[in-house]
Amino acid sequence: MYVPGKMFFTKGVGRHKDYLQSFELALRDAKIEKCNLVTVSSIYPPGCKRIPTEDGLKMLQPGQITFAVMARNATNEPNRLIAASIGVATPADVSQYGYLSEHHPYGETDEKAGEYAEDLAATMLATTLGVEFDPSVAWDEREKIYKMSGKIVKTFNITQSAEGHKDGIWTTVVACAILLPGEGSPV
């Protein structure tokens, strides 16, 4: 059984006349292009430690199969605003799992996309933990309720946005959570 013990977050943007190459350049900007990325669903493993991006990047080897939660978006429409965001919600009890969410909107700023992704992750965690809330209440109010419950300790997001290139070449954005083995974990 493999349960990741470490996680880091990264983001990037790439532009190129070819769609696939713009994605590759976004991965390069995020500094994870050398990995064989395997996308996974959105559970923040119990006891998983968030590490600085620079420390996580040092743990990667070319060709390595690397598990990632990835939000990705692309456009070739001039000036079209795109974003990719990962929202994170972790429980106060580190023996419990948390949630990550992927959001990939059009027309949303970093701030709006990030808040939405963060809200989504926190709402998924809140429903799992039995925190009562009104889903029609604004995120700011629900965030207070979640944190006051004592069950959700932290929420955050990592978001990358960009405007489509003025000449219509492909623009791709990525936001990723990279899952890594912990100390003594089997690879």
N, C-alpha and C. Protein backbone atom coordinates (compact mmCIF):
# COMPACT_ATOMS: atom_id res chain seq x y z
N MET A 1 0.85 -1.18 0.00
CA MET A 1 0.00 0.00 0.00
C MET A 1 0.89 1.24 0.00
N TYR A 2 0.53 2.20 -0.83
CA TYR A 2 1.29 3.44 -0.94
C TYR A 2 0.39 4.60 -0.54
N VAL A 3 0.77 5.31 0.52
CA VAL A 3 0.07 6.53 0.93
C VAL A 3 1.11 7.64 0.94
N PRO A 4 0.94 8.66 0.10
CA PRO A 4 1.92 9.75 0.06
C PRO A 4 2.09 10.41 1.42
N GLY A 5 3.34 10.74 1.75
CA GLY A 5 3.64 11.38 3.02
C GLY A 5 4.03 12.84 2.90
N LYS A 6 4.27 13.27 1.65
CA LYS A 6 4.66 14.66 1.40
C LYS A 6 3.93 15.16 0.16
N MET A 7 3.74 16.48 0.13
CA MET A 7 3.06 17.10 -1.00
C MET A 7 3.59 18.50 -1.19
N PHE A 8 3.73 18.89 -2.46
CA PHE A 8 4.04 20.29 -2.74
C PHE A 8 3.17 20.78 -3.88
N PHE A 9 3.13 22.08 -4.04
CA PHE A 9 2.24 22.72 -5.01
C PHE A 9 3.06 23.56 -5.97
N THR A 10 2.64 23.55 -7.23
CA THR A 10 3.34 24.31 -8.26
C THR A 10 2.35 24.74 -9.34
N LYS A 11 2.76 25.69 -10.16
CA LYS A 11 1.88 26.20 -11.21
C LYS A 11 2.72 26.72 -12.36
N GLY A 12 2.08 26.86 -13.53
CA GLY A 12 2.81 27.38 -14.67
C GLY A 12 1.91 27.77 -15.82
N VAL A 13 2.51 28.47 -16.77
CA VAL A 13 1.81 28.90 -17.99
C VAL A 13 2.74 28.66 -19.18
N GLY A 14 2.16 28.23 -20.30
CA GLY A 14 2.93 28.02 -21.51
C GLY A 14 2.19 28.53 -22.73
N ARG A 15 2.93 29.00 -23.72
CA ARG A 15 2.34 29.51 -24.96
C ARG A 15 3.11 28.95 -26.15
N HIS A 16 2.36 28.45 -27.14
CA HIS A 16 2.98 27.89 -28.34
C HIS A 16 1.92 27.74 -29.41
N LYS A 17 2.33 27.66 -30.67
CA LYS A 17 1.37 27.49 -31.76
C LYS A 17 0.67 26.13 -31.71
N ASP A 18 1.32 25.14 -31.10
CA ASP A 18 0.73 23.80 -30.96
C ASP A 18 0.18 23.61 -29.54
N TYR A 19 -1.01 23.05 -29.45
CA TYR A 19 -1.67 22.82 -28.16
C TYR A 19 -0.78 22.00 -27.21
N LEU A 20 -0.29 20.85 -27.70
CA LEU A 20 0.50 19.97 -26.84
C LEU A 20 1.78 20.66 -26.36
N GLN A 21 2.41 21.40 -27.24
CA GLN A 21 3.65 22.10 -26.85
C GLN A 21 3.36 23.19 -25.81
N SER A 22 2.20 23.84 -25.90
CA SER A 22 1.87 24.86 -24.89
C SER A 22 1.69 24.19 -23.53
N PHE A 23 1.13 22.98 -23.51
CA PHE A 23 0.99 22.22 -22.26
C PHE A 23 2.37 21.87 -21.71
N GLU A 24 3.25 21.38 -22.58
CA GLU A 24 4.62 21.05 -22.17
C GLU A 24 5.32 22.26 -21.57
N LEU A 25 5.14 23.43 -22.19
CA LEU A 25 5.78 24.64 -21.69
C LEU A 25 5.19 25.08 -20.35
N ALA A 26 3.89 24.84 -20.14
CA ALA A 26 3.29 25.12 -18.83
C ALA A 26 3.90 24.20 -17.77
N LEU A 27 4.09 22.92 -18.11
CA LEU A 27 4.73 21.99 -17.17
C LEU A 27 6.18 22.41 -16.89
N ARG A 28 6.87 22.90 -17.92
CA ARG A 28 8.25 23.40 -17.71
C ARG A 28 8.25 24.59 -16.77
N ASP A 29 7.30 25.50 -16.98
CA ASP A 29 7.21 26.67 -16.10
C ASP A 29 6.96 26.24 -14.66
N ALA A 30 6.19 25.15 -14.50
CA ALA A 30 5.91 24.60 -13.17
C ALA A 30 7.06 23.72 -12.67
N LYS A 31 8.04 23.46 -13.53
CA LYS A 31 9.24 22.68 -13.22
C LYS A 31 8.96 21.20 -12.97
N ILE A 32 7.91 20.65 -13.61
CA ILE A 32 7.58 19.23 -13.44
C ILE A 32 7.50 18.50 -14.78
N GLU A 33 8.06 19.09 -15.83
CA GLU A 33 7.99 18.51 -17.17
C GLU A 33 8.76 17.21 -17.31
N LYS A 34 9.72 16.95 -16.42
CA LYS A 34 10.55 15.76 -16.55
C LYS A 34 9.90 14.50 -15.99
N CYS A 35 8.71 14.65 -15.40
CA CYS A 35 8.03 13.52 -14.77
C CYS A 35 6.94 12.93 -15.66
N ASN A 36 6.68 11.66 -15.46
CA ASN A 36 5.51 11.01 -16.06
C ASN A 36 4.38 11.18 -15.06
N LEU A 37 3.54 12.17 -15.32
CA LEU A 37 2.49 12.53 -14.38
C LEU A 37 1.30 11.60 -14.50
N VAL A 38 0.84 11.12 -13.35
CA VAL A 38 -0.35 10.29 -13.27
C VAL A 38 -1.35 11.07 -12.43
N THR A 39 -2.45 11.48 -13.04
CA THR A 39 -3.41 12.27 -12.28
C THR A 39 -4.25 11.35 -11.40
N VAL A 40 -4.50 11.85 -10.20
CA VAL A 40 -5.28 11.11 -9.22
C VAL A 40 -6.41 12.02 -8.73
N SER A 41 -7.36 11.42 -8.04
CA SER A 41 -8.46 12.21 -7.50
C SER A 41 -7.98 13.02 -6.30
N SER A 42 -8.89 13.56 -5.56
CA SER A 42 -8.60 14.73 -4.75
C SER A 42 -8.59 14.53 -3.23
N ILE A 43 -7.93 13.52 -2.76
CA ILE A 43 -7.85 13.30 -1.31
C ILE A 43 -6.47 13.75 -0.81
N TYR A 44 -6.48 14.60 0.23
CA TYR A 44 -5.24 14.99 0.90
C TYR A 44 -4.99 13.90 1.94
N PRO A 45 -3.95 13.07 1.77
CA PRO A 45 -3.76 11.91 2.64
C PRO A 45 -3.59 12.28 4.12
N PRO A 46 -4.09 11.43 5.01
CA PRO A 46 -3.88 11.67 6.44
C PRO A 46 -2.39 11.76 6.76
N GLY A 47 -2.02 12.73 7.58
CA GLY A 47 -0.63 12.88 8.01
C GLY A 47 0.32 13.38 6.95
N CYS A 48 -0.17 13.71 5.78
CA CYS A 48 0.69 14.18 4.69
C CYS A 48 1.22 15.58 5.03
N LYS A 49 2.51 15.77 4.83
CA LYS A 49 3.16 17.03 5.17
C LYS A 49 3.35 17.88 3.92
N ARG A 50 2.91 19.13 3.97
CA ARG A 50 3.16 20.06 2.87
C ARG A 50 4.60 20.53 2.99
N ILE A 51 5.33 20.44 1.88
CA ILE A 51 6.73 20.87 1.88
C ILE A 51 6.90 22.01 0.86
N PRO A 52 7.94 22.81 1.01
CA PRO A 52 8.19 23.88 0.04
C PRO A 52 8.40 23.31 -1.36
N THR A 53 7.97 24.04 -2.35
CA THR A 53 8.10 23.61 -3.74
C THR A 53 9.54 23.25 -4.08
N GLU A 54 10.47 24.10 -3.68
CA GLU A 54 11.88 23.86 -4.00
C GLU A 54 12.37 22.52 -3.43
N ASP A 55 11.93 22.18 -2.21
CA ASP A 55 12.33 20.91 -1.61
C ASP A 55 11.73 19.73 -2.36
N GLY A 56 10.47 19.86 -2.76
CA GLY A 56 9.81 18.80 -3.51
C GLY A 56 10.44 18.59 -4.87
N LEU A 57 10.77 19.67 -5.55
CA LEU A 57 11.38 19.56 -6.88
C LEU A 57 12.70 18.80 -6.82
N LYS A 58 13.45 18.95 -5.73
CA LYS A 58 14.72 18.25 -5.57
C LYS A 58 14.53 16.74 -5.44
N MET A 59 13.33 16.31 -5.06
CA MET A 59 13.05 14.89 -4.88
C MET A 59 12.66 14.19 -6.18
N LEU A 60 12.43 14.95 -7.24
CA LEU A 60 11.98 14.38 -8.51
C LEU A 60 13.16 13.96 -9.39
N GLN A 61 12.97 12.85 -10.10
CA GLN A 61 13.97 12.35 -11.02
C GLN A 61 13.37 12.28 -12.42
N PRO A 62 14.15 12.53 -13.46
CA PRO A 62 13.63 12.44 -14.82
C PRO A 62 13.02 11.06 -15.10
N GLY A 63 11.83 11.06 -15.67
CA GLY A 63 11.15 9.82 -16.02
C GLY A 63 10.33 9.20 -14.90
N GLN A 64 10.46 9.74 -13.72
CA GLN A 64 9.77 9.20 -12.54
C GLN A 64 8.25 9.25 -12.74
N ILE A 65 7.56 8.18 -12.36
CA ILE A 65 6.10 8.20 -12.33
C ILE A 65 5.72 9.00 -11.09
N THR A 66 4.97 10.07 -11.31
CA THR A 66 4.68 11.04 -10.27
C THR A 66 3.18 11.27 -10.19
N PHE A 67 2.62 11.05 -9.00
CA PHE A 67 1.19 11.26 -8.80
C PHE A 67 0.91 12.74 -8.60
N ALA A 68 -0.16 13.22 -9.26
CA ALA A 68 -0.48 14.64 -9.19
C ALA A 68 -1.99 14.85 -9.24
N VAL A 69 -2.46 15.84 -8.50
CA VAL A 69 -3.80 16.38 -8.69
C VAL A 69 -3.56 17.61 -9.55
N MET A 70 -4.20 17.66 -10.72
CA MET A 70 -3.90 18.71 -11.68
C MET A 70 -5.16 19.42 -12.17
N ALA A 71 -5.10 20.74 -12.16
CA ALA A 71 -6.10 21.57 -12.82
C ALA A 71 -5.41 22.14 -14.05
N ARG A 72 -6.10 22.13 -15.18
CA ARG A 72 -5.47 22.53 -16.44
C ARG A 72 -6.51 23.19 -17.32
N ASN A 73 -6.10 24.22 -18.04
CA ASN A 73 -7.01 24.91 -18.95
C ASN A 73 -6.18 25.46 -20.10
N ALA A 74 -6.83 25.62 -21.25
CA ALA A 74 -6.13 26.13 -22.42
C ALA A 74 -7.09 26.88 -23.33
N THR A 75 -6.54 27.82 -24.08
CA THR A 75 -7.31 28.56 -25.07
C THR A 75 -6.40 29.00 -26.21
N ASN A 76 -7.01 29.15 -27.38
CA ASN A 76 -6.30 29.80 -28.48
C ASN A 76 -7.07 31.04 -28.93
N GLU A 77 -7.99 31.49 -28.08
CA GLU A 77 -8.75 32.72 -28.35
C GLU A 77 -7.98 33.92 -27.81
N PRO A 78 -7.71 34.90 -28.65
CA PRO A 78 -6.99 36.09 -28.18
C PRO A 78 -7.69 36.74 -26.99
N ASN A 79 -6.90 37.06 -25.98
CA ASN A 79 -7.34 37.81 -24.80
C ASN A 79 -8.33 37.08 -23.89
N ARG A 80 -8.66 35.82 -24.15
CA ARG A 80 -9.59 35.10 -23.28
C ARG A 80 -8.88 34.75 -21.97
N LEU A 81 -9.50 35.10 -20.86
CA LEU A 81 -8.93 34.83 -19.55
C LEU A 81 -9.23 33.39 -19.15
N ILE A 82 -8.18 32.65 -18.81
CA ILE A 82 -8.32 31.27 -18.34
C ILE A 82 -7.62 31.14 -17.00
N ALA A 83 -8.03 30.14 -16.24
CA ALA A 83 -7.38 29.88 -14.95
C ALA A 83 -7.40 28.39 -14.66
N ALA A 84 -6.48 27.97 -13.82
CA ALA A 84 -6.42 26.61 -13.28
C ALA A 84 -6.11 26.77 -11.80
N SER A 85 -6.91 26.13 -10.96
CA SER A 85 -6.75 26.33 -9.53
C SER A 85 -6.92 25.01 -8.77
N ILE A 86 -6.10 24.83 -7.75
CA ILE A 86 -6.24 23.72 -6.81
C ILE A 86 -6.61 24.33 -5.47
N GLY A 87 -7.74 23.91 -4.90
CA GLY A 87 -8.14 24.32 -3.56
C GLY A 87 -7.79 23.21 -2.59
N VAL A 88 -7.45 23.58 -1.36
CA VAL A 88 -7.02 22.61 -0.35
C VAL A 88 -7.74 22.89 0.96
N ALA A 89 -8.22 21.84 1.60
CA ALA A 89 -8.80 21.94 2.94
C ALA A 89 -8.28 20.77 3.76
N THR A 90 -7.64 21.08 4.89
CA THR A 90 -7.09 20.04 5.75
C THR A 90 -7.79 20.06 7.10
N PRO A 91 -8.03 18.87 7.66
CA PRO A 91 -8.71 18.79 8.95
C PRO A 91 -7.76 19.07 10.12
N ALA A 92 -8.35 19.47 11.24
CA ALA A 92 -7.57 19.69 12.46
C ALA A 92 -6.94 18.38 12.93
N ASP A 93 -7.67 17.29 12.78
CA ASP A 93 -7.20 15.96 13.18
C ASP A 93 -6.37 15.39 12.03
N VAL A 94 -5.04 15.39 12.17
CA VAL A 94 -4.16 14.97 11.08
C VAL A 94 -4.29 13.48 10.74
N SER A 95 -4.99 12.72 11.57
CA SER A 95 -5.20 11.31 11.24
C SER A 95 -6.37 11.15 10.26
N GLN A 96 -7.07 12.24 9.99
CA GLN A 96 -8.18 12.24 9.02
C GLN A 96 -7.66 12.77 7.67
N TYR A 97 -8.37 12.42 6.62
CA TYR A 97 -7.98 12.93 5.31
C TYR A 97 -8.64 14.26 5.02
N GLY A 98 -8.03 15.01 4.14
CA GLY A 98 -8.57 16.29 3.70
C GLY A 98 -8.96 16.21 2.23
N TYR A 99 -9.21 17.36 1.64
CA TYR A 99 -9.63 17.39 0.24
C TYR A 99 -8.83 18.41 -0.56
N LEU A 100 -8.66 18.07 -1.83
CA LEU A 100 -8.16 18.99 -2.83
C LEU A 100 -9.25 19.09 -3.89
N SER A 101 -9.36 20.24 -4.52
CA SER A 101 -10.34 20.39 -5.60
C SER A 101 -9.65 21.00 -6.81
N GLU A 102 -10.13 20.66 -7.98
CA GLU A 102 -9.60 21.23 -9.22
C GLU A 102 -10.68 22.13 -9.82
N HIS A 103 -10.27 23.28 -10.26
CA HIS A 103 -11.20 24.24 -10.90
C HIS A 103 -10.47 24.81 -12.10
N HIS A 104 -11.14 24.83 -13.24
CA HIS A 104 -10.51 25.30 -14.48
C HIS A 104 -11.49 26.16 -15.27
N PRO A 105 -11.67 27.41 -14.82
CA PRO A 105 -12.69 28.29 -15.41
C PRO A 105 -12.16 29.19 -16.53
N TYR A 106 -13.11 29.78 -17.21
CA TYR A 106 -12.85 30.85 -18.18
C TYR A 106 -13.40 32.13 -17.58
N GLY A 107 -12.70 33.24 -17.80
CA GLY A 107 -13.20 34.55 -17.39
C GLY A 107 -13.09 34.86 -15.92
N GLU A 108 -12.34 34.07 -15.14
CA GLU A 108 -12.18 34.34 -13.71
C GLU A 108 -10.75 34.75 -13.40
N THR A 109 -10.61 35.74 -12.53
CA THR A 109 -9.30 36.17 -12.05
C THR A 109 -8.70 35.11 -11.13
N ASP A 110 -7.41 35.27 -10.83
CA ASP A 110 -6.75 34.38 -9.86
C ASP A 110 -7.55 34.33 -8.56
N GLU A 111 -7.91 35.51 -8.07
CA GLU A 111 -8.59 35.58 -6.78
C GLU A 111 -9.93 34.84 -6.81
N LYS A 112 -10.75 35.10 -7.82
CA LYS A 112 -12.07 34.47 -7.89
C LYS A 112 -11.95 32.96 -8.08
N ALA A 113 -11.08 32.53 -8.99
CA ALA A 113 -10.90 31.09 -9.23
C ALA A 113 -10.35 30.40 -7.98
N GLY A 114 -9.38 31.04 -7.32
CA GLY A 114 -8.80 30.47 -6.11
C GLY A 114 -9.79 30.34 -4.98
N GLU A 115 -10.60 31.37 -4.77
CA GLU A 115 -11.62 31.31 -3.72
C GLU A 115 -12.64 30.21 -4.00
N TYR A 116 -13.03 30.06 -5.26
CA TYR A 116 -13.99 29.02 -5.62
C TYR A 116 -13.41 27.63 -5.33
N ALA A 117 -12.16 27.40 -5.76
CA ALA A 117 -11.52 26.10 -5.54
C ALA A 117 -11.36 25.81 -4.05
N GLU A 118 -10.97 26.83 -3.30
CA GLU A 118 -10.80 26.68 -1.85
C GLU A 118 -12.14 26.37 -1.18
N ASP A 119 -13.18 27.08 -1.59
CA ASP A 119 -14.53 26.86 -1.08
C ASP A 119 -14.98 25.43 -1.38
N LEU A 120 -14.73 24.98 -2.60
CA LEU A 120 -15.15 23.63 -2.99
C LEU A 120 -14.47 22.57 -2.13
N ALA A 121 -13.16 22.69 -1.92
CA ALA A 121 -12.44 21.73 -1.08
C ALA A 121 -12.95 21.77 0.36
N ALA A 122 -13.15 22.98 0.89
CA ALA A 122 -13.62 23.12 2.27
C ALA A 122 -15.03 22.57 2.43
N THR A 123 -15.88 22.78 1.44
CA THR A 123 -17.25 22.27 1.51
C THR A 123 -17.26 20.75 1.49
N MET A 124 -16.42 20.14 0.64
CA MET A 124 -16.34 18.67 0.60
C MET A 124 -15.87 18.14 1.95
N LEU A 125 -14.87 18.78 2.54
CA LEU A 125 -14.37 18.33 3.84
C LEU A 125 -15.43 18.56 4.92
N ALA A 126 -16.08 19.69 4.90
CA ALA A 126 -17.10 20.00 5.91
C ALA A 126 -18.22 18.96 5.89
N THR A 127 -18.67 18.57 4.71
CA THR A 127 -19.74 17.58 4.63
C THR A 127 -19.27 16.23 5.15
N THR A 128 -18.02 15.89 4.92
CA THR A 128 -17.46 14.63 5.42
C THR A 128 -17.37 14.64 6.94
N LEU A 129 -17.03 15.79 7.51
CA LEU A 129 -16.84 15.91 8.96
C LEU A 129 -18.13 16.21 9.71
N GLY A 130 -19.22 16.43 8.99
CA GLY A 130 -20.50 16.71 9.64
C GLY A 130 -20.65 18.14 10.13
N VAL A 131 -19.89 19.07 9.57
CA VAL A 131 -20.02 20.48 9.93
C VAL A 131 -21.27 21.03 9.25
N GLU A 132 -22.18 21.58 10.03
CA GLU A 132 -23.42 22.11 9.45
C GLU A 132 -23.21 23.53 8.96
N PHE A 133 -23.76 23.81 7.77
CA PHE A 133 -23.61 25.12 7.17
C PHE A 133 -24.73 25.32 6.15
N ASP A 134 -24.94 26.56 5.78
CA ASP A 134 -25.92 26.91 4.76
C ASP A 134 -25.16 27.12 3.46
N PRO A 135 -25.36 26.25 2.44
CA PRO A 135 -24.60 26.38 1.21
C PRO A 135 -24.87 27.66 0.42
N SER A 136 -25.95 28.36 0.75
CA SER A 136 -26.25 29.60 0.03
C SER A 136 -25.52 30.82 0.61
N VAL A 137 -24.87 30.65 1.76
CA VAL A 137 -24.13 31.74 2.40
C VAL A 137 -22.80 31.92 1.67
N ALA A 138 -22.32 33.14 1.58
CA ALA A 138 -21.07 33.45 0.89
C ALA A 138 -19.89 32.71 1.51
N TRP A 139 -18.87 32.48 0.68
CA TRP A 139 -17.67 31.75 1.11
C TRP A 139 -17.06 32.34 2.36
N ASP A 140 -16.95 33.66 2.47
CA ASP A 140 -16.33 34.29 3.64
C ASP A 140 -17.03 33.87 4.93
N GLU A 141 -18.36 33.82 4.89
CA GLU A 141 -19.12 33.42 6.08
C GLU A 141 -18.95 31.94 6.38
N ARG A 142 -19.02 31.10 5.33
CA ARG A 142 -18.84 29.66 5.54
C ARG A 142 -17.44 29.35 6.03
N GLU A 143 -16.43 30.08 5.53
CA GLU A 143 -15.06 29.86 5.97
C GLU A 143 -14.96 30.06 7.48
N LYS A 144 -15.60 31.09 7.99
CA LYS A 144 -15.60 31.34 9.44
C LYS A 144 -16.26 30.18 10.19
N ILE A 145 -17.39 29.72 9.67
CA ILE A 145 -18.10 28.60 10.31
C ILE A 145 -17.23 27.36 10.32
N TYR A 146 -16.61 27.05 9.17
CA TYR A 146 -15.76 25.86 9.08
C TYR A 146 -14.63 25.92 10.10
N LYS A 147 -13.95 27.06 10.16
CA LYS A 147 -12.80 27.17 11.05
C LYS A 147 -13.21 27.25 12.52
N MET A 148 -14.37 27.86 12.78
CA MET A 148 -14.86 27.94 14.17
C MET A 148 -15.32 26.57 14.66
N SER A 149 -15.66 25.67 13.76
CA SER A 149 -16.09 24.33 14.17
C SER A 149 -14.96 23.58 14.85
N GLY A 150 -13.71 24.01 14.60
CA GLY A 150 -12.55 23.33 15.17
C GLY A 150 -12.19 22.07 14.42
N LYS A 151 -12.94 21.74 13.37
CA LYS A 151 -12.67 20.51 12.62
C LYS A 151 -11.84 20.74 11.36
N ILE A 152 -11.90 21.96 10.81
CA ILE A 152 -11.12 22.29 9.62
C ILE A 152 -10.08 23.32 10.04
N VAL A 153 -8.82 22.97 9.87
CA VAL A 153 -7.76 23.84 10.39
C VAL A 153 -7.22 24.80 9.35
N LYS A 154 -7.19 24.39 8.08
CA LYS A 154 -6.54 25.24 7.10
C LYS A 154 -7.15 25.05 5.72
N THR A 155 -7.29 26.17 5.01
CA THR A 155 -7.67 26.14 3.61
C THR A 155 -6.75 27.10 2.86
N PHE A 156 -6.43 26.75 1.63
CA PHE A 156 -5.64 27.62 0.78
C PHE A 156 -5.83 27.18 -0.67
N ASN A 157 -5.24 27.93 -1.58
CA ASN A 157 -5.32 27.55 -2.99
C ASN A 157 -4.03 27.94 -3.69
N ILE A 158 -3.81 27.31 -4.82
CA ILE A 158 -2.75 27.72 -5.74
C ILE A 158 -3.41 27.86 -7.10
N THR A 159 -3.23 29.02 -7.71
CA THR A 159 -3.95 29.36 -8.93
C THR A 159 -3.02 30.00 -9.95
N GLN A 160 -3.22 29.62 -11.20
CA GLN A 160 -2.50 30.24 -12.31
C GLN A 160 -3.52 30.70 -13.33
N SER A 161 -3.45 31.98 -13.70
CA SER A 161 -4.33 32.48 -14.76
C SER A 161 -3.47 33.12 -15.84
N ALA A 162 -4.07 33.29 -17.00
CA ALA A 162 -3.38 33.95 -18.11
C ALA A 162 -4.42 34.37 -19.13
N GLU A 163 -4.07 35.36 -19.92
CA GLU A 163 -4.92 35.76 -21.03
C GLU A 163 -4.42 35.07 -22.29
N GLY A 164 -5.35 34.67 -23.15
CA GLY A 164 -4.98 34.07 -24.42
C GLY A 164 -4.09 35.03 -25.20
N HIS A 165 -3.11 34.47 -25.89
CA HIS A 165 -2.15 35.27 -26.66
C HIS A 165 -2.86 36.09 -27.72
N LYS A 166 -2.42 37.32 -27.92
CA LYS A 166 -3.09 38.25 -28.84
C LYS A 166 -3.11 37.74 -30.28
N ASP A 167 -2.15 36.85 -30.64
CA ASP A 167 -2.09 36.32 -32.00
C ASP A 167 -2.79 34.97 -32.14
N GLY A 168 -3.46 34.53 -31.08
CA GLY A 168 -4.23 33.29 -31.16
C GLY A 168 -3.43 32.01 -31.04
N ILE A 169 -2.18 32.09 -30.55
CA ILE A 169 -1.46 30.84 -30.30
C ILE A 169 -1.98 30.25 -28.99
N TRP A 170 -1.77 28.96 -28.79
CA TRP A 170 -2.29 28.28 -27.61
C TRP A 170 -1.65 28.80 -26.34
N THR A 171 -2.48 29.03 -25.35
CA THR A 171 -2.04 29.39 -24.00
C THR A 171 -2.60 28.33 -23.06
N THR A 172 -1.74 27.72 -22.26
CA THR A 172 -2.15 26.69 -21.31
C THR A 172 -1.70 27.08 -19.91
N VAL A 173 -2.56 26.85 -18.93
CA VAL A 173 -2.23 27.07 -17.53
C VAL A 173 -2.41 25.77 -16.76
N VAL A 174 -1.56 25.54 -15.77
CA VAL A 174 -1.66 24.37 -14.90
C VAL A 174 -1.46 24.80 -13.45
N ALA A 175 -2.14 24.11 -12.56
CA ALA A 175 -1.90 24.20 -11.12
C ALA A 175 -1.89 22.76 -10.64
N CYS A 176 -0.88 22.38 -9.86
CA CYS A 176 -0.72 20.98 -9.48
C CYS A 176 -0.35 20.82 -8.01
N ALA A 177 -0.87 19.73 -7.45
CA ALA A 177 -0.41 19.23 -6.16
C ALA A 177 0.37 17.96 -6.48
N ILE A 178 1.62 17.91 -6.11
CA ILE A 178 2.48 16.76 -6.40
C ILE A 178 2.62 15.94 -5.12
N LEU A 179 2.25 14.65 -5.23
CA LEU A 179 2.27 13.75 -4.08
C LEU A 179 3.55 12.92 -4.11
N LEU A 180 4.23 12.87 -2.97
CA LEU A 180 5.52 12.20 -2.87
C LEU A 180 5.54 11.24 -1.68
N PRO A 181 6.43 10.24 -1.73
CA PRO A 181 6.54 9.35 -0.58
C PRO A 181 7.04 10.08 0.66
N GLY A 182 6.63 9.63 1.82
CA GLY A 182 7.15 10.17 3.07
C GLY A 182 8.37 9.39 3.48
N GLU A 183 8.90 9.71 4.65
CA GLU A 183 10.06 8.98 5.16
C GLU A 183 9.71 7.52 5.35
N GLY A 184 10.50 6.64 4.77
CA GLY A 184 10.30 5.20 4.94
C GLY A 184 9.14 4.63 4.14
N SER A 185 8.47 5.44 3.30
CA SER A 185 7.35 4.94 2.50
C SER A 185 7.88 4.13 1.33
N PRO A 186 7.17 3.04 0.98
CA PRO A 186 7.56 2.32 -0.24
C PRO A 186 7.24 3.19 -1.45
N VAL A 187 8.05 3.08 -2.47
CA VAL A 187 7.83 3.89 -3.68
C VAL A 187 6.94 3.15 -4.65
